[in-house]
């Protein structure tokens, strides 16, 4: 004679509970995966915007650098013209100081 610890109704109920828990775990895991993919897409978009802004800022800095270099060349050219004019001879003025003997 076979002695059963559980009646048939209790085993079915236990199986249903285990299946429900397993399905809940699977659905929760899938929801977590979908949420993490959503966050990943949002972060990727944000990084793309930051990258685009960095590109714009880099271009502006490069343009300013070119302007500065051009202005520097103009200044150097103007200074070189000023340093090399036709040299005028100075008139030697007699000094008013007496020579020591």
N, C-alpha and C. Protein backbone atom coordinates (compact mmCIF):
# COMPACT_ATOMS: atom_id res chain seq x y z
N UNK A 1 0.83 -1.17 0.00
CA UNK A 1 0.00 0.00 0.00
C UNK A 1 0.88 1.25 0.00
N UNK A 2 0.49 2.22 -0.80
CA UNK A 2 1.26 3.43 -1.01
C UNK A 2 0.67 4.55 -0.17
N UNK A 3 1.55 5.20 0.66
CA UNK A 3 1.08 6.28 1.52
C UNK A 3 1.50 7.60 0.88
N UNK A 4 0.57 8.42 0.65
CA UNK A 4 0.83 9.71 0.02
C UNK A 4 0.92 10.80 1.09
N UNK A 5 1.97 11.61 0.96
CA UNK A 5 2.12 12.70 1.91
C UNK A 5 1.21 13.88 1.56
N UNK A 6 0.97 14.02 0.30
CA UNK A 6 0.13 15.13 -0.16
C UNK A 6 -1.06 14.57 -0.90
N UNK A 7 -2.12 15.22 -0.76
CA UNK A 7 -3.28 14.83 -1.54
C UNK A 7 -3.12 15.43 -2.92
N UNK A 8 -3.84 14.92 -3.85
CA UNK A 8 -3.70 15.36 -5.24
C UNK A 8 -3.97 16.86 -5.37
N UNK A 9 -4.90 17.41 -4.69
CA UNK A 9 -5.23 18.83 -4.76
C UNK A 9 -4.09 19.70 -4.24
N UNK A 10 -3.42 19.23 -3.18
CA UNK A 10 -2.32 20.00 -2.61
C UNK A 10 -1.12 20.02 -3.55
N UNK A 11 -0.85 18.92 -4.24
CA UNK A 11 0.27 18.86 -5.18
C UNK A 11 -0.01 19.79 -6.37
N UNK A 12 -1.22 19.76 -6.87
CA UNK A 12 -1.56 20.66 -7.98
C UNK A 12 -1.43 22.12 -7.57
N UNK A 13 -1.87 22.42 -6.37
CA UNK A 13 -1.77 23.80 -5.86
C UNK A 13 -0.31 24.22 -5.71
N UNK A 14 0.54 23.32 -5.22
CA UNK A 14 1.95 23.62 -5.03
C UNK A 14 2.64 23.81 -6.39
N UNK A 15 2.32 23.00 -7.35
CA UNK A 15 2.88 23.12 -8.68
C UNK A 15 2.47 24.45 -9.30
N UNK A 16 1.24 24.83 -9.12
CA UNK A 16 0.74 26.09 -9.64
C UNK A 16 1.48 27.27 -8.99
N UNK A 17 1.72 27.18 -7.68
CA UNK A 17 2.44 28.24 -6.99
C UNK A 17 3.88 28.35 -7.49
N UNK A 18 4.55 27.23 -7.69
CA UNK A 18 5.92 27.23 -8.18
C UNK A 18 5.97 27.80 -9.59
N UNK A 19 5.03 27.38 -10.43
CA UNK A 19 4.98 27.90 -11.79
C UNK A 19 4.73 29.41 -11.80
N UNK A 20 3.88 29.86 -10.92
CA UNK A 20 3.58 31.29 -10.81
C UNK A 20 4.82 32.07 -10.40
N UNK A 21 5.55 31.54 -9.44
CA UNK A 21 6.77 32.20 -8.98
C UNK A 21 7.81 32.24 -10.09
N UNK A 22 7.98 31.14 -10.80
CA UNK A 22 8.95 31.08 -11.89
C UNK A 22 8.56 32.07 -12.99
N UNK A 23 7.28 32.11 -13.35
CA UNK A 23 6.83 33.06 -14.37
C UNK A 23 7.03 34.51 -13.91
N UNK A 24 6.79 34.78 -12.65
CA UNK A 24 7.00 36.13 -12.12
C UNK A 24 8.47 36.52 -12.20
N UNK A 25 9.35 35.58 -11.90
CA UNK A 25 10.79 35.84 -11.97
C UNK A 25 11.20 36.11 -13.42
N UNK A 26 10.70 35.31 -14.35
CA UNK A 26 11.03 35.49 -15.77
C UNK A 26 10.52 36.84 -16.27
N UNK A 27 9.28 37.18 -15.94
CA UNK A 27 8.71 38.46 -16.38
C UNK A 27 9.47 39.63 -15.76
N UNK A 28 9.84 39.51 -14.49
CA UNK A 28 10.61 40.56 -13.82
C UNK A 28 11.97 40.74 -14.47
N UNK A 29 12.61 39.63 -14.82
CA UNK A 29 13.91 39.70 -15.48
C UNK A 29 13.79 40.37 -16.86
N UNK A 30 12.77 39.99 -17.60
CA UNK A 30 12.56 40.61 -18.91
C UNK A 30 12.27 42.11 -18.78
N UNK A 31 11.48 42.48 -17.78
CA UNK A 31 11.20 43.90 -17.55
C UNK A 31 12.47 44.66 -17.21
N UNK A 32 13.34 44.05 -16.40
CA UNK A 32 14.61 44.70 -16.04
C UNK A 32 15.49 44.87 -17.28
N UNK A 33 15.51 43.87 -18.14
CA UNK A 33 16.30 43.96 -19.38
C UNK A 33 15.78 45.08 -20.27
N UNK A 34 14.47 45.16 -20.43
CA UNK A 34 13.87 46.21 -21.27
C UNK A 34 14.17 47.59 -20.68
N UNK A 35 14.05 47.74 -19.37
CA UNK A 35 14.33 49.02 -18.73
C UNK A 35 15.79 49.41 -18.90
N UNK A 36 16.69 48.44 -18.71
CA UNK A 36 18.12 48.76 -18.85
C UNK A 36 18.45 49.13 -20.30
N UNK A 37 17.80 48.51 -21.29
CA UNK A 37 18.00 48.90 -22.69
C UNK A 37 17.50 50.31 -22.94
N UNK A 38 16.39 50.67 -22.31
CA UNK A 38 15.84 52.02 -22.44
C UNK A 38 16.83 53.03 -21.87
N UNK A 39 17.36 52.74 -20.69
CA UNK A 39 18.35 53.63 -20.08
C UNK A 39 19.59 53.72 -20.95
N UNK A 40 20.01 52.60 -21.51
CA UNK A 40 21.19 52.58 -22.38
C UNK A 40 20.98 53.48 -23.60
N UNK A 41 19.81 53.43 -24.20
CA UNK A 41 19.51 54.26 -25.37
C UNK A 41 19.52 55.74 -24.98
N UNK A 42 18.93 56.06 -23.83
CA UNK A 42 18.92 57.46 -23.38
C UNK A 42 20.33 57.98 -23.12
N UNK A 43 21.15 57.17 -22.49
CA UNK A 43 22.53 57.57 -22.21
C UNK A 43 23.30 57.73 -23.51
N UNK A 44 23.07 56.84 -24.45
CA UNK A 44 23.77 56.93 -25.74
C UNK A 44 23.38 58.21 -26.47
N UNK A 45 22.11 58.60 -26.41
CA UNK A 45 21.67 59.85 -27.04
C UNK A 45 22.33 61.05 -26.37
N UNK A 46 22.40 61.01 -25.04
CA UNK A 46 23.02 62.10 -24.31
C UNK A 46 24.50 62.22 -24.68
N UNK A 47 25.18 61.10 -24.79
CA UNK A 47 26.60 61.11 -25.16
C UNK A 47 26.76 61.65 -26.58
N UNK A 48 25.84 61.30 -27.47
CA UNK A 48 25.90 61.82 -28.84
C UNK A 48 25.74 63.33 -28.85
N UNK A 49 24.85 63.87 -28.01
CA UNK A 49 24.68 65.33 -27.93
C UNK A 49 25.93 65.99 -27.39
N UNK A 50 26.51 65.39 -26.35
CA UNK A 50 27.74 65.94 -25.78
C UNK A 50 28.85 65.94 -26.84
N UNK A 51 28.94 64.85 -27.58
CA UNK A 51 29.96 64.75 -28.63
C UNK A 51 29.75 65.83 -29.69
N UNK A 52 28.51 66.05 -30.09
CA UNK A 52 28.21 67.09 -31.08
C UNK A 52 28.58 68.47 -30.54
N UNK A 53 28.26 68.73 -29.27
CA UNK A 53 28.61 70.02 -28.67
C UNK A 53 30.13 70.20 -28.58
N UNK A 54 30.84 69.14 -28.26
CA UNK A 54 32.30 69.22 -28.22
C UNK A 54 32.87 69.53 -29.59
N UNK A 55 32.28 68.96 -30.61
CA UNK A 55 32.74 69.23 -31.97
C UNK A 55 32.53 70.71 -32.32
N UNK A 56 31.39 71.25 -31.96
CA UNK A 56 31.11 72.67 -32.23
C UNK A 56 32.10 73.55 -31.46
N UNK A 57 32.32 73.22 -30.20
CA UNK A 57 33.24 74.02 -29.38
C UNK A 57 34.66 73.94 -29.94
N UNK A 58 35.06 72.75 -30.38
CA UNK A 58 36.40 72.59 -30.95
C UNK A 58 36.56 73.42 -32.21
N UNK A 59 35.55 73.45 -33.05
CA UNK A 59 35.62 74.27 -34.27
C UNK A 59 35.74 75.76 -33.93
N UNK A 60 34.96 76.21 -32.93
CA UNK A 60 35.03 77.61 -32.53
C UNK A 60 36.42 77.95 -32.00
N UNK A 61 36.99 77.06 -31.20
CA UNK A 61 38.33 77.30 -30.66
C UNK A 61 39.35 77.34 -31.78
N UNK A 62 39.22 76.45 -32.76
CA UNK A 62 40.15 76.44 -33.89
C UNK A 62 40.04 77.75 -34.67
N UNK A 63 38.84 78.25 -34.89
CA UNK A 63 38.66 79.51 -35.61
C UNK A 63 39.28 80.67 -34.83
N UNK A 64 39.10 80.68 -33.52
CA UNK A 64 39.70 81.73 -32.69
C UNK A 64 41.22 81.65 -32.74
N UNK A 65 41.73 80.43 -32.74
CA UNK A 65 43.18 80.25 -32.82
C UNK A 65 43.73 80.79 -34.14
N UNK A 66 43.02 80.54 -35.22
CA UNK A 66 43.44 81.07 -36.53
C UNK A 66 43.42 82.59 -36.51
N UNK A 67 42.37 83.19 -35.93
CA UNK A 67 42.30 84.65 -35.85
C UNK A 67 43.46 85.21 -35.04
N UNK A 68 43.77 84.54 -33.93
CA UNK A 68 44.88 85.00 -33.07
C UNK A 68 46.20 84.91 -33.82
N UNK A 69 46.41 83.81 -34.54
CA UNK A 69 47.66 83.66 -35.29
C UNK A 69 47.79 84.73 -36.38
N UNK A 70 46.69 85.05 -37.06
CA UNK A 70 46.72 86.09 -38.09
C UNK A 70 47.04 87.45 -37.47
N UNK A 71 46.40 87.74 -36.34
CA UNK A 71 46.66 89.01 -35.66
C UNK A 71 48.11 89.07 -35.18
N UNK A 72 48.63 87.96 -34.71
CA UNK A 72 50.03 87.91 -34.26
C UNK A 72 50.98 88.18 -35.42
N UNK A 73 50.69 87.62 -36.58
CA UNK A 73 51.54 87.86 -37.76
C UNK A 73 51.50 89.33 -38.16
N UNK A 74 50.30 89.94 -38.11
CA UNK A 74 50.18 91.36 -38.44
C UNK A 74 50.99 92.22 -37.46
N UNK A 75 50.91 91.89 -36.19
CA UNK A 75 51.64 92.65 -35.18
C UNK A 75 53.14 92.50 -35.38
N UNK A 76 53.59 91.26 -35.63
CA UNK A 76 55.02 91.04 -35.85
C UNK A 76 55.50 91.77 -37.10
N UNK A 77 54.69 91.79 -38.12
CA UNK A 77 55.05 92.49 -39.36
C UNK A 77 55.16 93.98 -39.10
N UNK A 78 54.21 94.53 -38.34
CA UNK A 78 54.23 95.95 -38.02
C UNK A 78 55.45 96.29 -37.16
N UNK A 79 55.78 95.43 -36.23
CA UNK A 79 56.94 95.68 -35.38
C UNK A 79 58.25 95.58 -36.16
N UNK A 80 58.31 94.65 -37.08
CA UNK A 80 59.53 94.52 -37.88
C UNK A 80 59.72 95.73 -38.78
N UNK A 81 58.67 96.33 -39.26
CA UNK A 81 58.76 97.54 -40.07
C UNK A 81 59.23 98.70 -39.21
N UNK A 82 58.77 98.74 -37.99
CA UNK A 82 59.11 99.83 -37.09
C UNK A 82 60.58 99.75 -36.67
N UNK A 83 61.12 98.57 -36.50
CA UNK A 83 62.50 98.39 -36.06
C UNK A 83 63.50 98.66 -37.17
N UNK A 84 63.13 98.49 -38.40
CA UNK A 84 64.07 98.63 -39.50
C UNK A 84 63.81 99.86 -40.38
N UNK A 85 63.54 101.01 -39.80
CA UNK A 85 63.40 102.18 -40.66
C UNK A 85 64.78 102.66 -41.08
N UNK A 86 64.81 103.62 -42.00
CA UNK A 86 66.13 104.16 -42.39
C UNK A 86 66.72 104.83 -41.18
N UNK A 87 67.92 104.41 -40.86
CA UNK A 87 68.54 104.93 -39.65
C UNK A 87 69.04 106.34 -39.90
N UNK A 88 68.66 107.21 -39.01
CA UNK A 88 69.11 108.59 -39.08
C UNK A 88 70.34 108.74 -38.20
N UNK A 89 71.24 109.56 -38.68
CA UNK A 89 72.44 109.79 -37.90
C UNK A 89 72.13 110.77 -36.79
N UNK A 90 72.66 110.44 -35.63
CA UNK A 90 72.48 111.34 -34.51
C UNK A 90 73.56 112.42 -34.55
N UNK A 91 73.18 113.54 -34.14
CA UNK A 91 74.16 114.61 -34.02
C UNK A 91 74.82 114.46 -32.66
N UNK A 92 76.12 114.49 -32.69
CA UNK A 92 76.84 114.39 -31.43
C UNK A 92 76.80 115.73 -30.72
N UNK A 93 76.20 115.71 -29.59
CA UNK A 93 76.15 116.92 -28.78
C UNK A 93 77.34 116.91 -27.84
N UNK A 94 77.85 118.04 -27.63
CA UNK A 94 78.96 118.13 -26.70
C UNK A 94 78.40 117.98 -25.30
N UNK A 95 79.10 117.19 -24.56
CA UNK A 95 78.65 116.99 -23.20
C UNK A 95 79.03 118.16 -22.35
N UNK A 96 78.23 118.47 -21.42
CA UNK A 96 78.49 119.60 -20.53
C UNK A 96 79.31 119.17 -19.32
N UNK A 97 79.53 117.89 -19.21
CA UNK A 97 80.32 117.41 -18.09
C UNK A 97 81.79 117.61 -18.39
N UNK A 98 82.54 117.91 -17.34
CA UNK A 98 83.97 118.07 -17.49
C UNK A 98 84.66 116.74 -17.31
N UNK A 99 85.69 116.58 -18.03
CA UNK A 99 86.49 115.37 -17.92
C UNK A 99 87.37 115.47 -16.70
N UNK A 100 87.48 114.39 -16.00
CA UNK A 100 88.35 114.37 -14.84
C UNK A 100 89.77 114.11 -15.27
N UNK A 101 90.68 114.76 -14.61
CA UNK A 101 92.09 114.59 -14.96
C UNK A 101 92.76 113.71 -14.00
